[in-house]
């Protein structure tokens, strides 16, 4: 990380731009916002947005990942103990339900693939910890890594479909996801 990235002004500018992107996309339900609109809402120049992010897709991608890091991962990284499966899954479902309009717009827009990959990379360590807690004494490190990646990717696809379709509330979705995971992770 460069010295500039540690500058409080840089952090404030980046945070304002990311908040503005989330707010605008959430209000409109589409990624059809412009750099100019984001800059105006963040009270920064267009040039500053381009300097920090490069283009609109990069702003939207980082806004989605930043939101997940701040609101979703904070509950997982504050502890070394495994999170209760239902509690953790429900917290994740509630996060995506609370920000459904925003995530739906991103997951159906031009940065969908990059956001999907980014969310998977954020959640993979959490899922690996859970798999290791349940099955670690029976599996090699490579199998633990592979199973965590398989579960994270599959669950990510399931979450994406749920966010886009919006058919069930977070509690019902949590029950469905846990039922599937229990089939895969049930100790034998």
N, C-alpha and C. Protein backbone atom coordinates (compact mmCIF):
# COMPACT_ATOMS: atom_id res chain seq x y z
N UNK A 1 0.85 -1.17 0.00
CA UNK A 1 0.00 0.00 0.00
C UNK A 1 0.89 1.24 0.00
N UNK A 2 0.56 2.21 -0.81
CA UNK A 2 1.37 3.40 -0.90
C UNK A 2 1.09 4.34 0.26
N UNK A 3 2.00 5.26 0.45
CA UNK A 3 1.83 6.25 1.50
C UNK A 3 0.57 7.07 1.26
N UNK A 4 0.27 7.36 0.00
CA UNK A 4 -0.91 8.13 -0.36
C UNK A 4 -2.18 7.41 0.09
N UNK A 5 -2.21 6.09 -0.02
CA UNK A 5 -3.40 5.33 0.35
C UNK A 5 -3.70 5.44 1.84
N UNK A 6 -2.69 5.76 2.65
CA UNK A 6 -2.89 5.89 4.09
C UNK A 6 -3.35 7.29 4.48
N UNK A 7 -3.26 8.21 3.58
CA UNK A 7 -3.64 9.59 3.83
C UNK A 7 -5.14 9.65 4.17
N UNK A 8 -5.49 10.31 5.27
CA UNK A 8 -6.91 10.40 5.67
C UNK A 8 -7.80 11.04 4.61
N UNK A 9 -7.26 11.98 3.85
CA UNK A 9 -8.04 12.62 2.78
C UNK A 9 -8.40 11.62 1.70
N UNK A 10 -7.46 10.74 1.38
CA UNK A 10 -7.70 9.71 0.38
C UNK A 10 -8.78 8.76 0.88
N UNK A 11 -8.67 8.34 2.12
CA UNK A 11 -9.67 7.43 2.69
C UNK A 11 -11.05 8.07 2.71
N UNK A 12 -11.11 9.36 3.08
CA UNK A 12 -12.41 10.05 3.11
C UNK A 12 -13.00 10.16 1.71
N UNK A 13 -12.18 10.50 0.74
CA UNK A 13 -12.66 10.63 -0.64
C UNK A 13 -13.18 9.29 -1.15
N UNK A 14 -12.39 8.25 -0.95
CA UNK A 14 -12.81 6.92 -1.40
C UNK A 14 -14.11 6.49 -0.72
N UNK A 15 -14.20 6.71 0.58
CA UNK A 15 -15.41 6.32 1.33
C UNK A 15 -16.62 7.10 0.83
N UNK A 16 -16.45 8.39 0.57
CA UNK A 16 -17.57 9.21 0.08
C UNK A 16 -18.03 8.74 -1.29
N UNK A 17 -17.09 8.41 -2.16
CA UNK A 17 -17.44 7.93 -3.50
C UNK A 17 -18.17 6.59 -3.41
N UNK A 18 -17.68 5.68 -2.59
CA UNK A 18 -18.31 4.36 -2.46
C UNK A 18 -19.71 4.48 -1.87
N UNK A 19 -19.88 5.32 -0.85
CA UNK A 19 -21.22 5.54 -0.28
C UNK A 19 -22.16 6.14 -1.31
N UNK A 20 -21.67 7.11 -2.07
CA UNK A 20 -22.50 7.74 -3.10
C UNK A 20 -22.93 6.71 -4.15
N UNK A 21 -22.01 5.85 -4.56
CA UNK A 21 -22.35 4.81 -5.55
C UNK A 21 -23.42 3.88 -5.00
N UNK A 22 -23.27 3.44 -3.77
CA UNK A 22 -24.29 2.55 -3.16
C UNK A 22 -25.63 3.27 -3.10
N UNK A 23 -25.62 4.51 -2.64
CA UNK A 23 -26.88 5.26 -2.51
C UNK A 23 -27.57 5.46 -3.86
N UNK A 24 -26.81 5.90 -4.85
CA UNK A 24 -27.42 6.16 -6.16
C UNK A 24 -27.95 4.89 -6.82
N UNK A 25 -27.17 3.82 -6.78
CA UNK A 25 -27.62 2.56 -7.39
C UNK A 25 -28.82 2.02 -6.61
N UNK A 26 -28.80 2.15 -5.30
CA UNK A 26 -29.93 1.66 -4.49
C UNK A 26 -31.20 2.46 -4.77
N UNK A 27 -31.07 3.75 -4.98
CA UNK A 27 -32.24 4.59 -5.28
C UNK A 27 -32.82 4.25 -6.64
N UNK A 28 -31.98 3.98 -7.61
CA UNK A 28 -32.43 3.79 -8.99
C UNK A 28 -32.66 2.34 -9.37
N UNK A 29 -32.00 1.43 -8.65
CA UNK A 29 -32.14 0.02 -8.99
C UNK A 29 -31.45 -0.35 -10.28
N UNK A 30 -30.52 0.46 -10.70
CA UNK A 30 -29.79 0.22 -11.93
C UNK A 30 -28.38 0.76 -11.80
N UNK A 31 -27.48 0.24 -12.59
CA UNK A 31 -26.12 0.76 -12.59
C UNK A 31 -25.96 1.89 -13.61
N UNK A 32 -27.07 2.38 -14.14
CA UNK A 32 -27.03 3.46 -15.12
C UNK A 32 -26.86 4.81 -14.43
N UNK A 33 -25.83 4.90 -13.63
CA UNK A 33 -25.43 6.16 -13.03
C UNK A 33 -24.12 6.55 -13.71
N UNK A 34 -23.79 7.79 -13.59
CA UNK A 34 -22.56 8.26 -14.25
C UNK A 34 -21.52 8.63 -13.19
N UNK A 35 -20.29 8.70 -13.65
CA UNK A 35 -19.20 9.16 -12.78
C UNK A 35 -19.52 10.56 -12.29
N UNK A 36 -20.07 11.39 -13.15
CA UNK A 36 -20.41 12.77 -12.77
C UNK A 36 -21.43 12.79 -11.63
N UNK A 37 -22.44 11.93 -11.72
CA UNK A 37 -23.46 11.87 -10.66
C UNK A 37 -22.86 11.37 -9.34
N UNK A 38 -22.02 10.37 -9.44
CA UNK A 38 -21.37 9.85 -8.23
C UNK A 38 -20.47 10.91 -7.62
N UNK A 39 -19.69 11.59 -8.46
CA UNK A 39 -18.80 12.64 -7.97
C UNK A 39 -19.60 13.75 -7.28
N UNK A 40 -20.69 14.17 -7.90
CA UNK A 40 -21.52 15.23 -7.31
C UNK A 40 -22.10 14.79 -5.97
N UNK A 41 -22.61 13.56 -5.91
CA UNK A 41 -23.19 13.06 -4.66
C UNK A 41 -22.12 12.90 -3.57
N UNK A 42 -20.90 12.62 -3.97
CA UNK A 42 -19.80 12.46 -3.00
C UNK A 42 -19.12 13.79 -2.68
N UNK A 43 -19.50 14.83 -3.41
CA UNK A 43 -18.90 16.16 -3.25
C UNK A 43 -17.40 16.13 -3.53
N UNK A 44 -17.05 15.44 -4.62
CA UNK A 44 -15.67 15.40 -5.09
C UNK A 44 -15.69 15.66 -6.60
N UNK A 45 -14.53 15.87 -7.17
CA UNK A 45 -14.46 16.10 -8.61
C UNK A 45 -14.52 14.78 -9.37
N UNK A 46 -14.95 14.87 -10.62
CA UNK A 46 -14.92 13.69 -11.49
C UNK A 46 -13.49 13.17 -11.60
N UNK A 47 -12.56 14.08 -11.69
CA UNK A 47 -11.16 13.70 -11.81
C UNK A 47 -10.72 12.85 -10.62
N UNK A 48 -11.16 13.22 -9.43
CA UNK A 48 -10.81 12.45 -8.23
C UNK A 48 -11.36 11.02 -8.33
N UNK A 49 -12.57 10.89 -8.82
CA UNK A 49 -13.16 9.55 -8.97
C UNK A 49 -12.33 8.73 -9.95
N UNK A 50 -12.00 9.32 -11.08
CA UNK A 50 -11.18 8.61 -12.08
C UNK A 50 -9.80 8.27 -11.52
N UNK A 51 -9.21 9.17 -10.76
CA UNK A 51 -7.89 8.91 -10.19
C UNK A 51 -7.92 7.75 -9.19
N UNK A 52 -8.97 7.67 -8.42
CA UNK A 52 -9.06 6.63 -7.39
C UNK A 52 -9.51 5.29 -7.94
N UNK A 53 -10.35 5.29 -8.96
CA UNK A 53 -10.98 4.04 -9.40
C UNK A 53 -10.78 3.70 -10.87
N UNK A 54 -10.58 4.66 -11.71
CA UNK A 54 -10.35 4.38 -13.13
C UNK A 54 -11.58 4.48 -13.99
N UNK A 55 -12.64 3.75 -13.65
CA UNK A 55 -13.85 3.81 -14.45
C UNK A 55 -15.07 3.43 -13.59
N UNK A 56 -16.23 3.54 -14.19
CA UNK A 56 -17.48 3.30 -13.46
C UNK A 56 -17.57 1.87 -12.93
N UNK A 57 -17.23 0.90 -13.75
CA UNK A 57 -17.29 -0.49 -13.28
C UNK A 57 -16.41 -0.72 -12.06
N UNK A 58 -15.25 -0.10 -12.04
CA UNK A 58 -14.36 -0.25 -10.89
C UNK A 58 -14.97 0.39 -9.64
N UNK A 59 -15.64 1.53 -9.81
CA UNK A 59 -16.32 2.17 -8.68
C UNK A 59 -17.41 1.25 -8.14
N UNK A 60 -18.24 0.72 -9.05
CA UNK A 60 -19.35 -0.13 -8.62
C UNK A 60 -18.85 -1.42 -7.98
N UNK A 61 -17.85 -2.03 -8.57
CA UNK A 61 -17.28 -3.25 -8.00
C UNK A 61 -16.75 -2.98 -6.60
N UNK A 62 -15.95 -1.95 -6.45
CA UNK A 62 -15.39 -1.66 -5.13
C UNK A 62 -16.48 -1.27 -4.14
N UNK A 63 -17.53 -0.60 -4.59
CA UNK A 63 -18.64 -0.25 -3.70
C UNK A 63 -19.31 -1.51 -3.16
N UNK A 64 -19.52 -2.49 -4.03
CA UNK A 64 -20.12 -3.75 -3.60
C UNK A 64 -19.23 -4.52 -2.64
N UNK A 65 -17.96 -4.60 -2.95
CA UNK A 65 -17.02 -5.33 -2.09
C UNK A 65 -16.81 -4.60 -0.76
N UNK A 66 -16.75 -3.28 -0.81
CA UNK A 66 -16.58 -2.50 0.41
C UNK A 66 -17.80 -2.67 1.33
N UNK A 67 -18.98 -2.65 0.77
CA UNK A 67 -20.20 -2.85 1.56
C UNK A 67 -20.18 -4.22 2.23
N UNK A 68 -19.80 -5.24 1.49
CA UNK A 68 -19.72 -6.59 2.06
C UNK A 68 -18.64 -6.66 3.15
N UNK A 69 -17.50 -6.05 2.91
CA UNK A 69 -16.43 -6.06 3.92
C UNK A 69 -16.89 -5.37 5.21
N UNK A 70 -17.50 -4.20 5.06
CA UNK A 70 -17.89 -3.41 6.23
C UNK A 70 -19.04 -4.03 7.01
N UNK A 71 -20.06 -4.50 6.31
CA UNK A 71 -21.27 -4.93 6.99
C UNK A 71 -21.39 -6.43 7.16
N UNK A 72 -20.83 -7.18 6.26
CA UNK A 72 -21.01 -8.63 6.30
C UNK A 72 -19.83 -9.32 6.97
N UNK A 73 -18.65 -9.00 6.57
CA UNK A 73 -17.48 -9.70 7.11
C UNK A 73 -17.09 -9.28 8.51
N UNK A 74 -17.51 -8.11 8.94
CA UNK A 74 -17.10 -7.65 10.27
C UNK A 74 -17.53 -8.63 11.35
N UNK A 75 -18.65 -9.29 11.20
CA UNK A 75 -19.11 -10.27 12.19
C UNK A 75 -18.31 -11.55 12.17
N UNK A 76 -17.65 -11.83 11.06
CA UNK A 76 -16.87 -13.06 10.95
C UNK A 76 -15.42 -12.87 11.34
N UNK A 77 -14.90 -11.69 11.14
CA UNK A 77 -13.48 -11.47 11.40
C UNK A 77 -13.20 -11.02 12.82
N UNK A 78 -14.25 -10.75 13.59
CA UNK A 78 -14.05 -10.30 14.97
C UNK A 78 -13.78 -11.43 15.93
N UNK A 79 -13.82 -12.67 15.45
CA UNK A 79 -13.68 -13.81 16.34
C UNK A 79 -12.84 -14.90 15.69
N UNK A 80 -12.18 -15.67 16.52
CA UNK A 80 -11.46 -16.83 16.00
C UNK A 80 -12.30 -18.09 16.12
N UNK A 81 -13.40 -17.99 16.86
CA UNK A 81 -14.30 -19.12 17.01
C UNK A 81 -15.21 -19.21 15.79
N UNK A 82 -15.56 -20.44 15.39
CA UNK A 82 -16.49 -20.57 14.27
C UNK A 82 -17.85 -19.95 14.61
N UNK A 83 -18.45 -19.31 13.63
CA UNK A 83 -19.76 -18.69 13.81
C UNK A 83 -20.81 -19.78 13.72
N UNK A 84 -21.84 -19.69 14.56
CA UNK A 84 -22.96 -20.62 14.48
C UNK A 84 -23.50 -20.61 13.04
N UNK A 85 -23.69 -21.81 12.47
CA UNK A 85 -24.05 -21.91 11.06
C UNK A 85 -25.33 -21.15 10.73
N UNK A 86 -26.38 -21.35 11.51
CA UNK A 86 -27.64 -20.67 11.21
C UNK A 86 -27.50 -19.16 11.42
N UNK A 87 -26.87 -18.78 12.51
CA UNK A 87 -26.70 -17.35 12.81
C UNK A 87 -25.89 -16.66 11.72
N UNK A 88 -24.79 -17.27 11.32
CA UNK A 88 -23.95 -16.68 10.28
C UNK A 88 -24.64 -16.63 8.93
N UNK A 89 -25.36 -17.69 8.58
CA UNK A 89 -26.05 -17.73 7.30
C UNK A 89 -27.20 -16.73 7.28
N UNK A 90 -27.92 -16.62 8.39
CA UNK A 90 -29.01 -15.65 8.47
C UNK A 90 -28.48 -14.22 8.40
N UNK A 91 -27.36 -13.95 9.05
CA UNK A 91 -26.76 -12.61 8.97
C UNK A 91 -26.39 -12.28 7.52
N UNK A 92 -25.83 -13.25 6.81
CA UNK A 92 -25.48 -13.05 5.41
C UNK A 92 -26.75 -12.79 4.58
N UNK A 93 -27.79 -13.59 4.79
CA UNK A 93 -29.03 -13.43 4.03
C UNK A 93 -29.66 -12.07 4.33
N UNK A 94 -29.65 -11.67 5.58
CA UNK A 94 -30.23 -10.36 5.93
C UNK A 94 -29.45 -9.21 5.30
N UNK A 95 -28.14 -9.36 5.24
CA UNK A 95 -27.31 -8.33 4.59
C UNK A 95 -27.73 -8.17 3.13
N UNK A 96 -27.78 -9.29 2.41
CA UNK A 96 -28.14 -9.21 0.99
C UNK A 96 -29.59 -8.77 0.80
N UNK A 97 -30.49 -9.14 1.71
CA UNK A 97 -31.88 -8.70 1.61
C UNK A 97 -31.97 -7.19 1.85
N UNK A 98 -31.24 -6.69 2.83
CA UNK A 98 -31.26 -5.26 3.16
C UNK A 98 -30.74 -4.42 1.99
N UNK A 99 -29.80 -4.97 1.25
CA UNK A 99 -29.20 -4.24 0.13
C UNK A 99 -29.54 -4.89 -1.22
N UNK A 100 -30.68 -5.56 -1.26
CA UNK A 100 -31.06 -6.32 -2.46
C UNK A 100 -31.08 -5.46 -3.71
N UNK A 101 -31.66 -4.28 -3.67
CA UNK A 101 -31.76 -3.44 -4.86
C UNK A 101 -30.36 -3.13 -5.40
N UNK A 102 -29.45 -2.79 -4.50
CA UNK A 102 -28.08 -2.47 -4.90
C UNK A 102 -27.39 -3.70 -5.50
N UNK A 103 -27.39 -4.80 -4.77
CA UNK A 103 -26.70 -6.00 -5.26
C UNK A 103 -27.35 -6.54 -6.53
N UNK A 104 -28.68 -6.48 -6.62
CA UNK A 104 -29.35 -6.96 -7.83
C UNK A 104 -28.88 -6.18 -9.05
N UNK A 105 -28.79 -4.87 -8.89
CA UNK A 105 -28.32 -4.04 -10.01
C UNK A 105 -26.90 -4.43 -10.42
N UNK A 106 -26.03 -4.64 -9.45
CA UNK A 106 -24.64 -5.00 -9.76
C UNK A 106 -24.54 -6.41 -10.33
N UNK A 107 -25.33 -7.33 -9.79
CA UNK A 107 -25.24 -8.73 -10.24
C UNK A 107 -25.93 -8.98 -11.58
N UNK A 108 -26.60 -7.97 -12.11
CA UNK A 108 -27.18 -8.07 -13.45
C UNK A 108 -26.55 -7.05 -14.39
N UNK A 109 -25.52 -6.36 -13.92
CA UNK A 109 -24.85 -5.35 -14.73
C UNK A 109 -23.51 -5.81 -15.26
N UNK A 110 -22.76 -4.86 -15.76
CA UNK A 110 -21.50 -5.17 -16.42
C UNK A 110 -20.40 -5.65 -15.48
N UNK A 111 -20.54 -5.39 -14.19
CA UNK A 111 -19.50 -5.84 -13.25
C UNK A 111 -19.93 -7.11 -12.50
N UNK A 112 -20.95 -7.80 -12.99
CA UNK A 112 -21.49 -8.97 -12.29
C UNK A 112 -20.44 -10.05 -12.07
N UNK A 113 -19.71 -10.41 -13.08
CA UNK A 113 -18.72 -11.48 -12.93
C UNK A 113 -17.65 -11.10 -11.92
N UNK A 114 -17.15 -9.88 -12.03
CA UNK A 114 -16.10 -9.43 -11.11
C UNK A 114 -16.62 -9.36 -9.68
N UNK A 115 -17.86 -8.92 -9.49
CA UNK A 115 -18.44 -8.87 -8.15
C UNK A 115 -18.61 -10.28 -7.60
N UNK A 116 -19.11 -11.18 -8.41
CA UNK A 116 -19.27 -12.57 -7.98
C UNK A 116 -17.94 -13.15 -7.53
N UNK A 117 -16.90 -12.98 -8.34
CA UNK A 117 -15.56 -13.47 -7.98
C UNK A 117 -15.06 -12.80 -6.71
N UNK A 118 -15.28 -11.50 -6.59
CA UNK A 118 -14.83 -10.77 -5.41
C UNK A 118 -15.53 -11.21 -4.13
N UNK A 119 -16.84 -11.41 -4.22
CA UNK A 119 -17.58 -11.87 -3.04
C UNK A 119 -17.14 -13.28 -2.63
N UNK A 120 -16.91 -14.12 -3.62
CA UNK A 120 -16.43 -15.47 -3.31
C UNK A 120 -15.09 -15.40 -2.60
N UNK A 121 -14.19 -14.55 -3.08
CA UNK A 121 -12.88 -14.46 -2.43
C UNK A 121 -12.99 -13.91 -1.01
N UNK A 122 -13.96 -13.04 -0.76
CA UNK A 122 -14.17 -12.54 0.60
C UNK A 122 -14.72 -13.61 1.53
N UNK A 123 -15.63 -14.43 1.02
CA UNK A 123 -16.31 -15.42 1.86
C UNK A 123 -15.57 -16.75 1.96
N UNK A 124 -14.66 -17.01 1.06
CA UNK A 124 -13.94 -18.28 1.06
C UNK A 124 -13.23 -18.58 2.39
N UNK A 125 -12.49 -17.64 2.97
CA UNK A 125 -11.83 -17.96 4.25
C UNK A 125 -12.82 -18.29 5.37
N UNK A 126 -13.95 -17.63 5.38
CA UNK A 126 -14.98 -17.92 6.39
C UNK A 126 -15.51 -19.34 6.20
N UNK A 127 -15.80 -19.69 4.97
CA UNK A 127 -16.32 -21.03 4.69
C UNK A 127 -15.25 -22.10 4.93
N UNK A 128 -14.01 -21.78 4.64
CA UNK A 128 -12.95 -22.76 4.91
C UNK A 128 -12.85 -23.02 6.40
N UNK A 129 -12.96 -21.98 7.20
CA UNK A 129 -12.92 -22.14 8.65
C UNK A 129 -14.06 -23.04 9.12
N UNK A 130 -15.25 -22.84 8.55
CA UNK A 130 -16.40 -23.67 8.93
C UNK A 130 -16.21 -25.12 8.53
N UNK A 131 -15.72 -25.36 7.33
CA UNK A 131 -15.48 -26.73 6.86
C UNK A 131 -14.40 -27.38 7.72
N UNK A 132 -13.37 -26.64 8.03
CA UNK A 132 -12.30 -27.19 8.86
C UNK A 132 -12.82 -27.54 10.26
N UNK A 133 -13.68 -26.70 10.79
CA UNK A 133 -14.26 -26.97 12.11
C UNK A 133 -15.09 -28.26 12.08
N UNK A 134 -15.85 -28.46 11.02
CA UNK A 134 -16.72 -29.64 10.93
C UNK A 134 -15.98 -30.91 10.53
N UNK A 135 -15.05 -30.80 9.58
CA UNK A 135 -14.47 -31.99 8.97
C UNK A 135 -12.94 -32.00 8.96
N UNK A 136 -12.33 -31.02 9.57
CA UNK A 136 -10.88 -30.85 9.47
C UNK A 136 -10.06 -32.04 9.90
N UNK A 137 -10.54 -32.79 10.87
CA UNK A 137 -9.77 -33.93 11.35
C UNK A 137 -9.82 -35.11 10.38
N UNK A 138 -10.70 -35.04 9.39
CA UNK A 138 -10.85 -36.16 8.45
C UNK A 138 -10.34 -35.85 7.04
N UNK A 139 -10.01 -34.58 6.77
CA UNK A 139 -9.65 -34.20 5.41
C UNK A 139 -8.26 -33.57 5.35
N UNK A 140 -7.59 -33.78 4.24
CA UNK A 140 -6.30 -33.12 4.03
C UNK A 140 -6.53 -31.64 3.77
N UNK A 141 -5.47 -30.85 3.88
CA UNK A 141 -5.57 -29.43 3.63
C UNK A 141 -6.07 -29.10 2.24
N UNK A 142 -5.61 -29.86 1.24
CA UNK A 142 -6.04 -29.61 -0.13
C UNK A 142 -7.53 -29.90 -0.29
N UNK A 143 -8.00 -30.99 0.30
CA UNK A 143 -9.43 -31.33 0.20
C UNK A 143 -10.26 -30.28 0.94
N UNK A 144 -9.77 -29.79 2.09
CA UNK A 144 -10.48 -28.72 2.81
C UNK A 144 -10.59 -27.48 1.93
N UNK A 145 -9.48 -27.10 1.30
CA UNK A 145 -9.49 -25.93 0.41
C UNK A 145 -10.46 -26.14 -0.75
N UNK A 146 -10.40 -27.31 -1.37
CA UNK A 146 -11.26 -27.59 -2.52
C UNK A 146 -12.74 -27.61 -2.13
N UNK A 147 -13.05 -28.23 -1.00
CA UNK A 147 -14.44 -28.30 -0.55
C UNK A 147 -14.95 -26.91 -0.19
N UNK A 148 -14.13 -26.11 0.48
CA UNK A 148 -14.54 -24.73 0.81
C UNK A 148 -14.78 -23.92 -0.46
N UNK A 149 -13.93 -24.08 -1.47
CA UNK A 149 -14.12 -23.37 -2.73
C UNK A 149 -15.39 -23.83 -3.44
N UNK A 150 -15.64 -25.14 -3.42
CA UNK A 150 -16.83 -25.70 -4.04
C UNK A 150 -18.09 -25.16 -3.36
N UNK A 151 -18.09 -25.17 -2.05
CA UNK A 151 -19.26 -24.70 -1.29
C UNK A 151 -19.45 -23.20 -1.49
N UNK A 152 -18.37 -22.45 -1.43
CA UNK A 152 -18.47 -21.00 -1.57
C UNK A 152 -18.98 -20.63 -2.96
N UNK A 153 -18.46 -21.27 -3.99
CA UNK A 153 -18.93 -20.98 -5.34
C UNK A 153 -20.38 -21.38 -5.55
N UNK A 154 -20.74 -22.55 -5.08
CA UNK A 154 -22.13 -23.01 -5.22
C UNK A 154 -23.09 -22.16 -4.43
N UNK A 155 -22.73 -21.87 -3.19
CA UNK A 155 -23.58 -21.02 -2.35
C UNK A 155 -23.67 -19.62 -2.95
N UNK A 156 -22.55 -19.14 -3.51
CA UNK A 156 -22.56 -17.83 -4.15
C UNK A 156 -23.53 -17.78 -5.32
N UNK A 157 -23.55 -18.83 -6.10
CA UNK A 157 -24.50 -18.90 -7.21
C UNK A 157 -25.94 -18.92 -6.71
N UNK A 158 -26.16 -19.67 -5.64
CA UNK A 158 -27.49 -19.76 -5.04
C UNK A 158 -27.92 -18.41 -4.47
N UNK A 159 -27.00 -17.72 -3.80
CA UNK A 159 -27.30 -16.39 -3.26
C UNK A 159 -27.59 -15.42 -4.39
N UNK A 160 -26.78 -15.45 -5.44
CA UNK A 160 -27.00 -14.55 -6.57
C UNK A 160 -28.39 -14.74 -7.16
N UNK A 161 -28.79 -15.98 -7.38
CA UNK A 161 -30.13 -16.25 -7.93
C UNK A 161 -31.20 -15.72 -6.98
N UNK A 162 -31.03 -15.91 -5.69
CA UNK A 162 -32.00 -15.44 -4.72
C UNK A 162 -32.07 -13.92 -4.70
N UNK A 163 -30.92 -13.24 -4.73
CA UNK A 163 -30.91 -11.78 -4.73
C UNK A 163 -31.61 -11.25 -5.98
N UNK A 164 -31.35 -11.85 -7.11
CA UNK A 164 -31.95 -11.37 -8.36
C UNK A 164 -33.44 -11.66 -8.40
N UNK A 165 -33.84 -12.88 -8.03
CA UNK A 165 -35.25 -13.26 -8.11
C UNK A 165 -36.06 -12.75 -6.93
N UNK A 166 -35.47 -12.70 -5.75
CA UNK A 166 -36.13 -12.17 -4.57
C UNK A 166 -37.38 -12.89 -4.14
N UNK A 167 -37.43 -14.21 -4.33
CA UNK A 167 -38.66 -14.96 -4.09
C UNK A 167 -38.99 -15.15 -2.61
N UNK A 168 -38.01 -15.33 -1.76
CA UNK A 168 -38.26 -15.64 -0.36
C UNK A 168 -37.54 -14.65 0.54
N UNK A 169 -38.01 -14.55 1.78
CA UNK A 169 -37.34 -13.71 2.76
C UNK A 169 -36.07 -14.36 3.25
N UNK A 170 -35.27 -13.63 4.02
CA UNK A 170 -33.99 -14.14 4.48
C UNK A 170 -34.10 -15.40 5.35
N UNK A 171 -35.13 -15.51 6.16
CA UNK A 171 -35.27 -16.68 7.03
C UNK A 171 -35.52 -17.94 6.20
N UNK A 172 -36.45 -17.85 5.26
CA UNK A 172 -36.75 -19.01 4.41
C UNK A 172 -35.53 -19.37 3.55
N UNK A 173 -34.85 -18.36 3.04
CA UNK A 173 -33.67 -18.62 2.24
C UNK A 173 -32.58 -19.30 3.08
N UNK A 174 -32.40 -18.82 4.30
CA UNK A 174 -31.41 -19.42 5.21
C UNK A 174 -31.72 -20.88 5.43
N UNK A 175 -32.98 -21.20 5.68
CA UNK A 175 -33.37 -22.60 5.89
C UNK A 175 -33.04 -23.46 4.67
N UNK A 176 -33.31 -22.94 3.48
CA UNK A 176 -33.01 -23.69 2.25
C UNK A 176 -31.51 -23.91 2.10
N UNK A 177 -30.73 -22.87 2.33
CA UNK A 177 -29.28 -22.97 2.17
C UNK A 177 -28.69 -23.93 3.21
N UNK A 178 -29.13 -23.84 4.44
CA UNK A 178 -28.61 -24.73 5.48
C UNK A 178 -28.99 -26.18 5.19
N UNK A 179 -30.19 -26.40 4.68
CA UNK A 179 -30.60 -27.77 4.33
C UNK A 179 -29.66 -28.35 3.28
N UNK A 180 -29.29 -27.55 2.28
CA UNK A 180 -28.37 -28.04 1.25
C UNK A 180 -26.98 -28.28 1.83
N UNK A 181 -26.50 -27.34 2.64
CA UNK A 181 -25.17 -27.49 3.22
C UNK A 181 -25.08 -28.68 4.15
N UNK A 182 -26.17 -28.96 4.86
CA UNK A 182 -26.13 -30.10 5.78
C UNK A 182 -25.98 -31.42 5.03
N UNK A 183 -26.52 -31.51 3.84
CA UNK A 183 -26.34 -32.71 3.03
C UNK A 183 -24.86 -32.87 2.65
N UNK A 184 -24.24 -31.76 2.29
CA UNK A 184 -22.82 -31.82 1.89
C UNK A 184 -21.86 -32.01 3.06
N UNK A 185 -22.19 -31.42 4.19
CA UNK A 185 -21.23 -31.38 5.30
C UNK A 185 -21.59 -32.28 6.46
N UNK A 186 -22.64 -33.05 6.34
CA UNK A 186 -23.03 -33.91 7.44
C UNK A 186 -21.96 -34.97 7.70
N UNK A 187 -21.40 -34.96 8.91
CA UNK A 187 -20.38 -35.97 9.21
C UNK A 187 -20.97 -37.37 9.12
N UNK A 188 -20.20 -38.28 8.57
CA UNK A 188 -20.67 -39.66 8.43
C UNK A 188 -19.83 -40.57 9.27
